[in-house]
Amino acid sequence: MRVFHWKIRPGMQVDSEPAVAVVKFGDGYEQRRPAGLNNNLKKYSVTVRVSREDAQQVEAFLSWHGGVKSFLWTPPYDWRQIRVVCRKWSAGAELTKTTFTATFEQVVN
């Protein structure tokens, strides 16, 4: 499995939305439980700023995975790799650098 090794810029946003199954009863009472074993997978909004030469490698890496194949990545605040997919990214070219913004979605397979 391939590894995303480029450094993430500070200011990464992490979105959490645990999947919860809810059964509603009368009088406003409801029962809640986790929806599945992996109900709290995260979404990471990341920014990567690389040289124009490295930009081709980043683009090729993300395109090769095509939003379907997962890859390994280590979040900046963590020491362990997680498996993610990237279904959406954009690139902005400057004079000597290219800035990529992407969403990494944590997956289990």
C-alpha atoms as a PDB file:
ATOM      1  CA  MET A   1       0.000   0.000   0.000  1.00  0.00           C
ATOM      2  CA  ARG A   2       1.325   3.418  -0.946  1.00  0.00           C
ATOM      3  CA  VAL A   3       2.020   6.149   1.613  1.00  0.00           C
ATOM      4  CA  PHE A   4       1.242   9.871   1.293  1.00  0.00           C
ATOM      5  CA  HIS A   5       4.478  11.403   2.610  1.00  0.00           C
ATOM      6  CA  TRP A   6       4.190  15.118   1.796  1.00  0.00           C
ATOM      7  CA  LYS A   7       3.969  17.500   4.760  1.00  0.00           C
ATOM      8  CA  ILE A   8       0.617  19.004   5.663  1.00  0.00           C
ATOM      9  CA  ARG A   9       0.457  22.748   6.331  1.00  0.00           C
ATOM     10  CA  PRO A  10      -0.651  23.946   9.787  1.00  0.00           C
ATOM     11  CA  GLY A  11      -4.339  24.644  10.262  1.00  0.00           C
ATOM     12  CA  MET A  12      -5.727  21.267   9.232  1.00  0.00           C
ATOM     13  CA  GLN A  13      -9.416  20.843  10.023  1.00  0.00           C
ATOM     14  CA  VAL A  14     -10.771  17.522  11.344  1.00  0.00           C
ATOM     15  CA  ASP A  15     -14.487  16.754  10.990  1.00  0.00           C
ATOM     16  CA  SER A  16     -16.126  14.127  13.192  1.00  0.00           C
ATOM     17  CA  GLU A  17     -19.705  12.935  12.794  1.00  0.00           C
ATOM     18  CA  PRO A  18     -20.303   9.639  14.575  1.00  0.00           C
ATOM     19  CA  ALA A  19     -22.869   7.414  12.859  1.00  0.00           C
ATOM     20  CA  VAL A  20     -25.682   6.788  15.340  1.00  0.00           C
ATOM     21  CA  ALA A  21     -28.781   4.605  14.982  1.00  0.00           C
ATOM     22  CA  VAL A  22     -31.769   6.238  16.693  1.00  0.00           C
ATOM     23  CA  VAL A  23     -35.108   4.669  17.611  1.00  0.00           C
ATOM     24  CA  LYS A  24     -37.756   7.219  18.632  1.00  0.00           C
ATOM     25  CA  PHE A  25     -40.502   6.325  21.074  1.00  0.00           C
ATOM     26  CA  GLY A  26     -43.435   8.345  22.376  1.00  0.00           C
ATOM     27  CA  ASP A  27     -43.141  11.397  24.614  1.00  0.00           C
ATOM     28  CA  GLY A  28     -39.795  12.433  23.085  1.00  0.00           C
ATOM     29  CA  TYR A  29     -37.919   9.400  24.390  1.00  0.00           C
ATOM     30  CA  GLU A  30     -35.274   7.986  22.066  1.00  0.00           C
ATOM     31  CA  GLN A  31     -32.726   5.224  22.205  1.00  0.00           C
ATOM     32  CA  ARG A  32     -29.315   5.684  20.582  1.00  0.00           C
ATOM     33  CA  ARG A  33     -26.524   3.274  19.701  1.00  0.00           C
ATOM     34  CA  PRO A  34     -23.422   3.332  17.510  1.00  0.00           C
ATOM     35  CA  ALA A  35     -24.248   2.431  13.906  1.00  0.00           C
ATOM     36  CA  GLY A  36     -21.623  -0.207  13.265  1.00  0.00           C
ATOM     37  CA  LEU A  37     -18.190  -1.025  14.580  1.00  0.00           C
ATOM     38  CA  ASN A  38     -16.388   1.910  12.941  1.00  0.00           C
ATOM     39  CA  ASN A  39     -18.956   4.608  13.519  1.00  0.00           C
ATOM     40  CA  ASN A  40     -16.584   7.516  14.174  1.00  0.00           C
ATOM     41  CA  LEU A  41     -14.362   7.814  11.103  1.00  0.00           C
ATOM     42  CA  LYS A  42     -12.847  11.259  10.524  1.00  0.00           C
ATOM     43  CA  LYS A  43     -12.566  13.634   7.559  1.00  0.00           C
ATOM     44  CA  TYR A  44      -9.437  15.752   7.274  1.00  0.00           C
ATOM     45  CA  SER A  45      -9.280  18.989   5.279  1.00  0.00           C
ATOM     46  CA  VAL A  46      -5.605  19.299   4.410  1.00  0.00           C
ATOM     47  CA  THR A  47      -3.367  21.740   2.557  1.00  0.00           C
ATOM     48  CA  VAL A  48      -0.049  20.770   1.001  1.00  0.00           C
ATOM     49  CA  ARG A  49       2.361  23.338  -0.473  1.00  0.00           C
ATOM     50  CA  VAL A  50       5.092  21.887  -2.674  1.00  0.00           C
ATOM     51  CA  SER A  51       7.530  22.953  -5.377  1.00  0.00           C
ATOM     52  CA  ARG A  52       6.333  22.909  -8.981  1.00  0.00           C
ATOM     53  CA  GLU A  53       8.395  19.740  -9.554  1.00  0.00           C
ATOM     54  CA  ASP A  54       6.827  17.925  -6.588  1.00  0.00           C
ATOM     55  CA  ALA A  55       3.363  19.075  -7.672  1.00  0.00           C
ATOM     56  CA  GLN A  56       3.449  16.594 -10.548  1.00  0.00           C
ATOM     57  CA  GLN A  57       4.185  13.784  -8.085  1.00  0.00           C
ATOM     58  CA  VAL A  58       1.359  14.804  -5.735  1.00  0.00           C
ATOM     59  CA  GLU A  59      -1.093  15.070  -8.633  1.00  0.00           C
ATOM     60  CA  ALA A  60       0.015  11.695 -10.014  1.00  0.00           C
ATOM     61  CA  PHE A  61      -0.313  10.092  -6.562  1.00  0.00           C
ATOM     62  CA  LEU A  62      -3.866  11.361  -6.026  1.00  0.00           C
ATOM     63  CA  SER A  63      -4.916  10.626  -9.613  1.00  0.00           C
ATOM     64  CA  TRP A  64      -3.552   7.088  -9.449  1.00  0.00           C
ATOM     65  CA  HIS A  65      -5.739   6.387  -6.405  1.00  0.00           C
ATOM     66  CA  GLY A  66      -8.662   8.038  -8.193  1.00  0.00           C
ATOM     67  CA  GLY A  67     -10.837   8.492  -5.124  1.00  0.00           C
ATOM     68  CA  VAL A  68     -11.300   4.716  -4.976  1.00  0.00           C
ATOM     69  CA  LYS A  69      -8.070   3.155  -3.750  1.00  0.00           C
ATOM     70  CA  SER A  70      -7.035   3.853  -0.178  1.00  0.00           C
ATOM     71  CA  PHE A  71      -3.552   4.873   0.926  1.00  0.00           C
ATOM     72  CA  LEU A  72      -1.726   5.300   4.216  1.00  0.00           C
ATOM     73  CA  TRP A  73      -1.199   8.686   5.823  1.00  0.00           C
ATOM     74  CA  THR A  74      -0.015   9.862   9.238  1.00  0.00           C
ATOM     75  CA  PRO A  75      -1.979  12.834  10.609  1.00  0.00           C
ATOM     76  CA  PRO A  76       0.354  15.568  11.928  1.00  0.00           C
ATOM     77  CA  TYR A  77      -0.778  15.172  15.543  1.00  0.00           C
ATOM     78  CA  ASP A  78      -0.641  11.358  15.581  1.00  0.00           C
ATOM     79  CA  TRP A  79       2.117   8.751  15.468  1.00  0.00           C
ATOM     80  CA  ARG A  80       0.224   5.978  13.681  1.00  0.00           C
ATOM     81  CA  GLN A  81      -0.760   5.707  10.072  1.00  0.00           C
ATOM     82  CA  ILE A  82      -4.399   5.553   9.068  1.00  0.00           C
ATOM     83  CA  ARG A  83      -6.009   4.397   5.845  1.00  0.00           C
ATOM     84  CA  VAL A  84      -7.708   7.174   3.856  1.00  0.00           C
ATOM     85  CA  VAL A  85      -9.205   7.922   0.451  1.00  0.00           C
ATOM     86  CA  CYS A  86      -9.130  11.280  -1.320  1.00  0.00           C
ATOM     87  CA  ARG A  87     -12.214  11.837  -3.479  1.00  0.00           C
ATOM     88  CA  LYS A  88     -11.702  15.574  -3.953  1.00  0.00           C
ATOM     89  CA  TRP A  89      -8.683  17.838  -4.344  1.00  0.00           C
ATOM     90  CA  SER A  90      -7.720  21.055  -6.090  1.00  0.00           C
ATOM     91  CA  ALA A  91      -4.428  22.683  -7.004  1.00  0.00           C
ATOM     92  CA  GLY A  92      -3.446  26.326  -7.232  1.00  0.00           C
ATOM     93  CA  ALA A  93      -0.223  27.155  -9.051  1.00  0.00           C
ATOM     94  CA  GLU A  94       1.937  30.070  -7.961  1.00  0.00           C
ATOM     95  CA  LEU A  95       5.258  31.231  -9.378  1.00  0.00           C
ATOM     96  CA  THR A  96       7.467  28.565  -7.776  1.00  0.00           C
ATOM     97  CA  LYS A  97       5.033  26.612  -5.574  1.00  0.00           C
ATOM     98  CA  THR A  98       1.773  24.731  -5.978  1.00  0.00           C
ATOM     99  CA  THR A  99      -0.805  24.509  -3.206  1.00  0.00           C
ATOM    100  CA  PHE A 100      -3.103  21.492  -3.015  1.00  0.00           C
ATOM    101  CA  THR A 101      -6.236  21.416  -0.885  1.00  0.00           C
ATOM    102  CA  ALA A 102      -7.794  18.013  -0.345  1.00  0.00           C
ATOM    103  CA  THR A 103     -10.186  16.048   1.827  1.00  0.00           C
ATOM    104  CA  PHE A 104      -8.888  12.786   3.265  1.00  0.00           C
ATOM    105  CA  GLU A 105     -11.645  10.458   4.455  1.00  0.00           C
ATOM    106  CA  GLN A 106     -10.692   7.741   6.920  1.00  0.00           C
ATOM    107  CA  VAL A 107     -11.694   4.228   5.805  1.00  0.00           C
ATOM    108  CA  VAL A 108     -11.193   0.740   7.192  1.00  0.00           C
ATOM    109  CA  ASN A 109     -10.644  -1.157   3.937  1.00  0.00           C
END
